[in-house]
Protein backbone atom coordinates (compact mmCIF):
# COMPACT_ATOMS: atom_id res chain seq x y z
CA MET A 1 -0.05 0.23 -0.06
CA THR A 2 1.14 3.61 -0.61
CA ASP A 3 -0.38 7.04 -0.21
CA LEU A 4 1.56 8.37 -3.83
CA LEU A 5 0.14 7.14 -7.12
CA PRO A 6 3.07 6.46 -9.86
CA PRO A 7 2.77 8.31 -12.96
CA ALA A 8 0.92 7.10 -15.86
CA MET A 9 3.96 7.07 -17.83
CA ALA A 10 8.00 7.43 -16.68
CA SER A 11 10.59 7.50 -17.98
CA PHE A 12 14.00 6.08 -16.26
CA THR A 13 17.43 7.68 -17.82
CA ILE A 14 21.06 6.21 -16.66
CA PRO A 15 24.54 6.02 -17.88
CA PRO A 16 25.23 3.55 -20.47
CA THR A 17 27.72 1.97 -18.60
CA VAL A 18 27.75 1.76 -15.28
CA ILE A 19 31.35 0.04 -13.67
CA THR A 20 31.37 -0.83 -10.24
CA GLY A 21 33.73 -3.00 -7.70
CA ILE A 22 37.02 -2.91 -5.89
CA GLY A 23 39.66 -1.93 -8.68
CA ALA A 24 37.36 -0.41 -11.10
CA ALA A 25 38.69 2.84 -11.49
CA GLU A 26 41.46 0.48 -13.54
CA GLN A 27 39.16 1.00 -16.18
CA ALA A 28 39.41 4.15 -16.77
CA GLY A 29 41.98 4.19 -19.67
CA GLU A 30 40.30 1.29 -21.44
CA GLN A 31 36.85 3.04 -21.27
CA ALA A 32 38.37 6.13 -22.47
CA LYS A 33 39.77 4.64 -25.42
CA ARG A 34 36.36 2.77 -26.01
CA LEU A 35 35.23 6.75 -26.54
CA GLY A 36 37.50 7.58 -29.05
CA ALA A 37 39.71 9.95 -26.58
CA ARG A 38 43.06 11.59 -27.77
CA THR A 39 43.50 13.65 -24.67
CA ALA A 40 41.15 14.25 -21.59
CA LEU A 41 40.75 16.64 -19.32
CA VAL A 42 40.29 15.62 -15.95
CA VAL A 43 38.34 17.59 -13.39
CA THR A 44 38.90 17.71 -10.60
CA ASP A 45 39.96 19.23 -7.33
CA ASN A 46 43.04 20.42 -5.16
CA GLY A 47 42.62 17.89 -2.28
CA ILE A 48 41.74 14.89 -5.06
CA VAL A 49 45.27 16.02 -6.92
CA LYS A 50 47.45 15.75 -3.16
CA LEU A 51 45.92 12.46 -2.79
CA GLY A 52 47.98 11.15 -6.21
CA TYR A 53 44.31 9.68 -7.61
CA ALA A 54 44.43 12.56 -10.70
CA ASP A 55 48.14 11.87 -11.48
CA GLU A 56 47.12 7.70 -11.17
CA LEU A 57 44.15 8.56 -13.76
CA VAL A 58 46.86 10.04 -16.08
CA ASN A 59 49.34 7.36 -15.86
CA LEU A 60 46.21 4.71 -16.50
CA LEU A 61 45.40 6.97 -19.57
CA HIS A 62 49.22 6.85 -20.99
CA ARG A 63 49.01 3.51 -20.76
CA VAL A 64 46.59 3.24 -23.33
CA GLY A 65 48.20 5.72 -25.20
CA ILE A 66 45.92 8.78 -24.49
CA GLY A 67 46.87 12.18 -23.72
CA ALA A 68 45.26 14.39 -19.98
CA SER A 69 45.36 17.96 -18.82
CA ILE A 70 44.71 18.09 -15.48
CA PHE A 71 42.30 20.81 -14.20
CA SER A 72 42.46 21.36 -10.47
CA ASP A 73 40.58 24.23 -9.83
CA VAL A 74 37.31 23.12 -9.11
CA THR A 75 35.51 24.50 -5.82
CA PRO A 76 33.33 23.25 -3.12
CA ASP A 77 30.18 23.62 -5.15
CA PRO A 78 31.11 24.38 -8.23
CA THR A 79 30.50 27.81 -9.72
CA LEU A 80 30.17 29.46 -12.92
CA GLN A 81 33.90 30.52 -13.11
CA ASN A 82 35.05 26.81 -12.69
CA VAL A 83 33.26 25.79 -15.65
CA ASN A 84 34.40 29.00 -17.84
CA ASP A 85 37.73 28.24 -16.71
CA GLY A 86 37.42 24.13 -17.37
CA LEU A 87 35.91 24.75 -20.82
CA GLU A 88 39.26 27.42 -21.77
CA GLN A 89 41.63 24.60 -20.33
CA TYR A 90 39.37 22.23 -22.49
CA ARG A 91 39.60 24.19 -25.91
CA GLU A 92 43.15 25.25 -25.00
CA GLU A 93 44.70 21.38 -24.39
CA ALA A 94 42.72 20.36 -27.68
CA CYS A 95 40.86 17.83 -25.45
CA ASN A 96 38.03 15.31 -26.77
CA LEU A 97 36.62 13.94 -23.31
CA ILE A 98 36.00 14.77 -19.88
CA ILE A 99 36.82 12.46 -16.93
CA SER A 100 35.77 13.74 -13.52
CA ILE A 101 37.28 12.21 -10.35
CA GLY A 102 35.96 13.66 -6.89
CA GLY A 103 32.90 14.23 -4.55
CA GLY A 104 30.05 15.70 -6.17
CA SER A 105 31.44 18.77 -7.39
CA ALA A 106 34.24 17.78 -9.84
CA ILE A 107 31.41 15.53 -11.01
CA ASP A 108 28.94 18.32 -11.35
CA CYS A 109 31.59 20.59 -12.75
CA GLY A 110 32.64 18.26 -15.73
CA LYS A 111 29.01 18.11 -16.40
CA GLY A 112 28.65 21.95 -16.59
CA ILE A 113 32.06 21.75 -18.94
CA ALA A 114 30.16 18.77 -20.97
CA ILE A 115 27.13 20.68 -21.65
CA ARG A 116 28.21 24.10 -22.71
CA LEU A 117 30.85 22.26 -25.28
CA THR A 118 27.88 21.17 -27.22
CA ASN A 119 25.12 24.16 -26.60
CA ASP A 120 25.23 27.73 -27.27
CA GLY A 121 24.40 30.27 -24.73
CA GLU A 122 25.22 30.44 -20.82
CA LEU A 123 24.29 27.95 -18.38
CA ALA A 124 21.65 29.63 -16.75
CA GLU A 125 19.48 29.62 -19.95
CA PHE A 126 19.16 25.83 -19.20
CA MET A 127 18.45 26.06 -15.61
CA GLY A 128 15.73 23.40 -15.18
CA VAL A 129 14.09 20.37 -15.80
CA ASN A 130 14.46 19.46 -20.15
CA LYS A 131 16.18 22.77 -21.16
CA ILE A 132 19.76 21.42 -22.41
CA PRO A 133 19.07 21.17 -26.50
CA ASN A 134 21.83 19.05 -27.31
CA PRO A 135 23.39 16.27 -25.41
CA GLY A 136 27.18 17.22 -23.72
CA GLY A 137 30.49 16.14 -24.90
CA PRO A 138 31.69 12.70 -23.85
CA LEU A 139 32.36 12.41 -20.02
CA ILE A 140 33.51 9.46 -17.70
CA ALA A 141 32.81 10.14 -14.14
CA ILE A 142 34.53 9.01 -11.07
CA PRO A 143 33.40 9.89 -7.85
CA THR A 144 35.34 9.41 -4.44
CA THR A 145 33.16 9.29 -2.10
CA GLY A 146 29.93 7.66 -0.68
CA GLY A 147 27.40 10.41 -1.29
CA THR A 148 25.79 12.58 -3.83
CA GLY A 149 25.28 9.63 -6.97
CA SER A 150 25.74 12.45 -9.18
CA GLU A 151 28.06 9.95 -11.59
CA CYS A 152 24.75 8.46 -12.01
CA THR A 153 22.34 11.46 -12.72
CA LYS A 154 21.11 13.34 -15.36
CA ALA A 155 21.19 16.42 -12.46
CA THR A 156 24.02 18.96 -12.17
CA VAL A 157 23.95 22.19 -9.64
CA ILE A 158 26.31 24.81 -10.44
CA THR A 159 26.37 28.16 -8.27
CA ASP A 160 26.03 31.57 -9.88
CA THR A 161 27.89 33.63 -7.26
CA GLU A 162 27.14 36.73 -8.57
CA HIS A 163 23.29 36.08 -8.11
CA ASN A 164 23.42 33.54 -5.28
CA VAL A 165 21.53 31.29 -7.00
CA LYS A 166 22.21 27.51 -6.67
CA MET A 167 21.05 26.40 -10.29
CA MET A 168 20.09 23.35 -11.09
CA LEU A 169 20.03 21.56 -14.19
CA SER A 170 18.31 18.08 -15.22
CA SER A 171 18.18 16.23 -18.39
CA PRO A 172 19.29 13.46 -20.39
CA CYS A 173 21.70 15.69 -22.03
CA ALA A 174 23.49 15.63 -18.74
CA VAL A 175 24.17 11.98 -18.07
CA PRO A 176 27.76 10.68 -18.12
CA GLU A 177 28.59 7.94 -20.57
CA VAL A 178 30.32 6.16 -17.91
CA ALA A 179 30.39 5.79 -14.33
CA ILE A 180 33.03 3.96 -12.37
CA VAL A 181 32.51 3.40 -8.59
CA ASP A 182 35.10 2.03 -6.94
CA PRO A 183 35.20 1.86 -3.43
CA LEU A 184 38.84 1.59 -2.80
CA LEU A 185 38.81 5.67 -3.49
CA SER A 186 37.10 6.23 -1.17
CA LEU A 187 39.08 5.28 1.70
CA SER A 188 40.51 8.30 2.66
CA THR A 189 36.93 10.34 3.30
CA PRO A 190 37.45 11.76 6.88
CA PRO A 191 34.53 10.63 9.24
CA HIS A 192 32.78 13.90 9.28
CA LEU A 193 32.85 14.21 5.58
CA THR A 194 31.70 10.38 5.49
CA SER A 195 28.66 11.20 7.35
CA ALA A 196 27.80 14.52 5.42
CA VAL A 197 27.70 12.60 2.40
CA GLY A 198 26.01 9.78 3.69
CA VAL A 199 23.21 10.84 5.44
CA ASP A 200 23.16 13.00 1.53
CA ALA A 201 22.72 9.84 -0.01
CA LEU A 202 20.09 8.63 2.50
CA THR A 203 18.65 12.01 1.96
CA HIS A 204 18.31 11.19 -2.18
CA ALA A 205 16.79 7.99 -1.62
CA ILE A 206 14.07 9.23 1.02
CA GLU A 207 13.23 11.74 -0.99
CA ALA A 208 12.86 9.69 -3.89
CA TYR A 209 10.80 7.05 -2.29
CA ILE A 210 8.26 9.98 -1.13
CA SER A 211 8.21 12.14 -4.03
CA LYS A 212 5.22 12.46 -6.19
CA ARG A 213 6.71 11.14 -9.09
CA ALA A 214 8.25 8.39 -7.96
CA GLN A 215 7.47 5.14 -10.42
CA PRO A 216 8.02 1.86 -9.84
CA ILE A 217 11.98 1.19 -11.16
CA THR A 218 12.55 4.41 -8.75
CA ASP A 219 10.85 2.71 -5.62
CA ALA A 220 12.93 0.08 -6.06
CA LEU A 221 16.45 1.42 -6.00
CA ALA A 222 15.42 3.62 -3.24
CA LEU A 223 14.59 1.21 -0.69
CA GLU A 224 17.06 -1.29 -1.71
CA ALA A 225 19.85 2.37 -0.71
CA ILE A 226 18.07 3.11 2.14
CA ARG A 227 18.68 -0.60 3.28
CA MET A 228 22.29 -0.58 2.25
CA ILE A 229 23.11 2.71 4.01
CA SER A 230 21.19 2.20 7.29
CA GLY A 231 23.30 -1.13 7.77
CA SER A 232 26.23 0.59 6.58
CA LEU A 233 26.84 3.98 7.34
CA ARG A 234 27.90 3.55 10.60
CA GLN A 235 30.76 1.17 10.03
CA ALA A 236 31.94 3.14 7.27
CA TRP A 237 31.99 6.50 9.74
CA ALA A 238 33.44 4.56 12.76
CA ASP A 239 36.15 2.90 10.59
CA GLY A 240 36.57 4.23 7.42
CA GLU A 241 38.97 1.11 5.98
CA ASN A 242 35.99 -1.18 6.11
CA ILE A 243 35.97 -1.99 2.67
CA GLU A 244 32.81 -4.28 3.24
CA ALA A 245 31.11 -1.07 4.52
CA ARG A 246 33.07 1.14 1.92
CA THR A 247 31.78 -0.75 -1.09
CA GLU A 248 28.40 -0.91 0.55
CA MET A 249 28.15 3.08 0.74
CA MET A 250 29.53 3.47 -2.76
CA VAL A 251 26.96 1.32 -4.58
CA ALA A 252 23.82 2.51 -2.55
CA ALA A 253 25.16 6.40 -3.12
CA SER A 254 24.92 5.42 -7.11
CA ILE A 255 21.96 3.89 -7.07
CA ALA A 256 20.23 6.59 -4.39
CA GLY A 257 21.05 9.03 -7.66
CA MET A 258 19.61 6.56 -10.06
CA ALA A 259 16.45 6.85 -8.29
CA PHE A 260 16.07 10.78 -7.38
CA SER A 261 17.09 11.54 -10.87
CA ASN A 262 14.59 9.96 -12.26
CA SER A 263 11.81 10.63 -9.21
CA SER A 264 13.34 13.78 -8.79
CA VAL A 265 14.09 15.17 -5.17
CA ALA A 266 11.90 17.10 -2.32
CA LEU A 267 11.38 19.97 0.05
CA VAL A 268 14.76 19.14 1.69
CA HIS A 269 16.48 19.97 -1.50
CA GLY A 270 14.37 22.91 -2.45
CA MET A 271 15.56 24.45 1.13
CA SER A 272 18.90 22.93 0.91
CA ARG A 273 20.24 24.63 -2.31
CA PRO A 274 19.94 28.50 -0.99
CA ILE A 275 21.39 27.74 2.56
CA GLY A 276 24.76 26.82 0.18
CA ALA A 277 24.12 29.64 -2.00
CA TYR A 278 24.10 32.40 0.51
CA PHE A 279 26.13 30.62 3.45
CA HIS A 280 28.40 28.64 0.81
CA VAL A 281 27.71 25.60 2.81
CA HIS A 282 28.62 22.15 1.63
CA HIS A 283 25.66 20.22 -0.25
CA GLY A 284 25.61 17.45 1.17
CA LEU A 285 26.28 18.79 5.09
CA SER A 286 23.14 21.28 3.79
CA ASN A 287 20.97 18.36 2.99
CA ALA A 288 22.07 16.27 6.19
CA VAL A 289 21.06 19.02 9.17
CA LEU A 290 17.74 19.77 7.62
CA LEU A 291 16.36 15.78 6.66
CA LEU A 292 14.77 15.07 10.42
CA ASP A 293 12.79 18.28 10.67
CA VAL A 294 11.36 17.98 7.18
CA MET A 295 10.41 14.33 7.52
CA GLU A 296 8.74 15.59 10.46
CA TYR A 297 6.98 18.04 8.83
CA SER A 298 6.52 15.91 5.64
CA VAL A 299 5.08 12.52 7.13
CA VAL A 300 1.69 13.26 7.70
CA GLY A 301 1.29 13.83 3.61
CA ALA A 302 2.25 9.84 2.83
CA PRO A 303 2.35 7.81 5.98
CA ASP A 304 2.69 4.42 4.46
CA ARG A 305 5.59 5.40 2.30
CA PHE A 306 7.61 6.40 5.67
CA ALA A 307 6.21 3.01 7.15
CA ASP A 308 7.98 1.42 4.13
CA ILE A 309 10.88 3.08 4.68
CA ALA A 310 11.23 2.26 8.18
CA ARG A 311 10.58 -1.11 7.01
CA ALA A 312 13.73 -0.88 4.71
CA MET A 313 15.98 0.71 7.64
CA GLY A 314 15.01 -2.33 9.86
CA GLU A 315 12.48 -0.73 12.19
CA PRO A 316 10.18 -3.31 13.70
CA ILE A 317 6.96 -2.08 13.05
CA ASP A 318 4.35 -4.80 12.32
CA GLY A 319 1.45 -4.61 14.79
CA LEU A 320 1.67 -0.42 15.11
CA SER A 321 -0.76 1.77 13.91
CA PRO A 322 -0.28 3.27 10.57
CA MET A 323 0.94 6.69 11.91
CA CYS A 324 3.49 4.83 14.26
CA GLN A 325 4.94 2.93 11.49
CA ALA A 326 5.39 6.13 9.56
CA ASP A 327 6.88 7.40 12.91
CA ALA A 328 9.40 4.79 13.15
CA ALA A 329 11.70 6.44 10.14
CA ILE A 330 11.79 9.29 11.74
CA ASN A 331 13.00 7.78 14.75
CA SER A 332 14.99 5.61 13.18
CA VAL A 333 16.81 8.67 11.07
CA GLU A 334 16.95 10.41 14.56
CA ARG A 335 19.14 7.83 15.96
CA LEU A 336 21.43 7.35 13.02
CA VAL A 337 22.34 11.42 12.76
CA ASN A 338 23.13 11.16 16.63
CA ASP A 339 25.12 8.55 16.23
CA LEU A 340 26.98 10.24 13.54
CA HIS A 341 27.08 13.33 15.70
CA MET A 342 25.47 15.63 12.60
CA PRO A 343 25.21 19.25 13.72
CA ARG A 344 21.95 21.22 13.70
CA LEU A 345 21.74 24.01 10.96
CA GLY A 346 22.57 26.82 13.60
CA GLU A 347 25.98 24.87 14.42
CA ILE A 348 27.66 24.89 11.21
CA GLY A 349 29.13 28.30 10.93
CA ILE A 350 26.25 30.47 9.93
CA ASP A 351 25.91 34.31 11.29
CA GLN A 352 22.54 34.42 12.66
CA PRO A 353 22.51 37.85 12.20
CA LYS A 354 22.43 37.12 8.43
CA PHE A 355 20.84 34.01 8.40
CA GLU A 356 17.76 36.27 9.47
CA ALA A 357 18.08 39.12 7.00
CA VAL A 358 18.38 36.21 4.33
CA VAL A 359 15.75 33.64 5.43
CA ASP A 360 12.30 35.13 3.79
CA GLN A 361 14.31 35.26 0.44
CA MET A 362 15.69 31.61 1.40
CA ALA A 363 12.02 30.25 1.41
CA SER A 364 11.07 32.00 -1.66
CA ASP A 365 13.99 31.19 -3.78
CA ALA A 366 13.46 27.46 -2.54
CA LEU A 367 9.98 27.38 -4.03
CA ALA A 368 11.11 28.86 -6.93
CA SER A 369 13.35 25.79 -7.04
CA GLY A 370 10.83 23.37 -7.97
CA SER A 371 11.65 20.60 -5.81
CA PRO A 372 9.13 21.41 -2.83
CA GLY A 373 6.36 20.88 -5.48
CA ASN A 374 7.39 17.00 -5.50
CA ASN A 375 6.68 16.61 -1.41
CA PRO A 376 3.90 14.92 -0.18
CA ARG A 377 2.77 17.62 1.85
CA GLN A 378 3.18 20.83 -0.09
CA PRO A 379 4.32 23.86 2.26
CA THR A 380 3.67 27.39 2.18
CA LYS A 381 6.19 30.14 2.05
CA GLU A 382 5.87 31.00 5.55
CA GLU A 383 6.13 27.41 6.79
CA ILE A 384 9.65 26.90 5.03
CA VAL A 385 10.63 29.90 6.99
CA GLY A 386 9.55 28.15 9.89
CA LEU A 387 11.39 25.29 8.86
CA TYR A 388 14.59 26.90 8.44
CA HIS A 389 14.69 28.60 12.08
CA ARG A 390 12.96 25.15 13.54
CA CYS A 391 16.20 23.64 11.95
CA PHE A 392 18.49 26.48 13.16
CA GLN A 393 17.36 25.41 16.77
CA PRO A 394 18.60 22.99 19.04
CA ARG A 395 16.63 19.87 18.79
CA GLN A 396 14.13 19.78 21.36
CA VAL A 397 14.67 15.96 23.36
């Protein structure tokens, strides 16, 4: 039983090739060769360069006769300037393939460059759903964290720093040609980032499942991602060398990405993007600090769906009333975020006077993003302002 009717007709889009498993990154050179690469632009950040991952990738490419140019100026929550700088380097180095390696920021930046290669105009012109006219240039996406799932999605988020807007572009034209998911690359992720991106992946799966645009394929993927994350995130956070837990989290993040990319996200993401735009908070963290309170707000709109989430998280709910079954999902998420020592919105360095000055505009921006329209309970602007304030305060016990 569910409260939400699936759409009468739905499409499902993922990368044509998805390679997973320990050592999967070794396939990057062969995949680049298969795509006809002569010179690849490796899009990444300085942290990945320092870990040596970018140089290892360049060596894999050289072994199969492919040149490479490293673009490592990607910032957290990539900007239009990042995309434009990467595009310029791509053209100067005569590249014909993009390989993004890193977290969601590197992959989103690579998608932005790929889109600009084949579409006239600025990225702002393509903001929204299905606004990109032509498929982007060829892109291989290699994540290094078990979080965003961007390697398997048709969405990219680029920040317009001039207008304080995180632009979401969603189109099959943005899907990578190849996703390579290797848990070995996630072993270096520190605990605080493991928890933030892990709860981000859980948010993707939960919102994919409760979205009004959910469909049977996304339902199956979302519930499996919830099950895997619930069973492995604590272990991956507590012991970064736990390869079994890291593998579960990497795969779960990818399939959660497949789910939300095709059913869309909801209120958490609508509220999260303005936090990133105004306060430059890591996207995964801004999702994580909103999830619990937004679930409490939304549960009455789809109690049967929340009960399914509770079951996927391993909660013993048989025999409980429908609303108690639904509330069990919230209780399970609360225990998880407490175990991971996740902060509240007011504990992540946001200046409260500035927060109060912009919270009304943030609520307007959240609604304008369209994501709250997929939520099972539809919020007003005033309710979103109230939710922001609620998330900012210490949680009531």
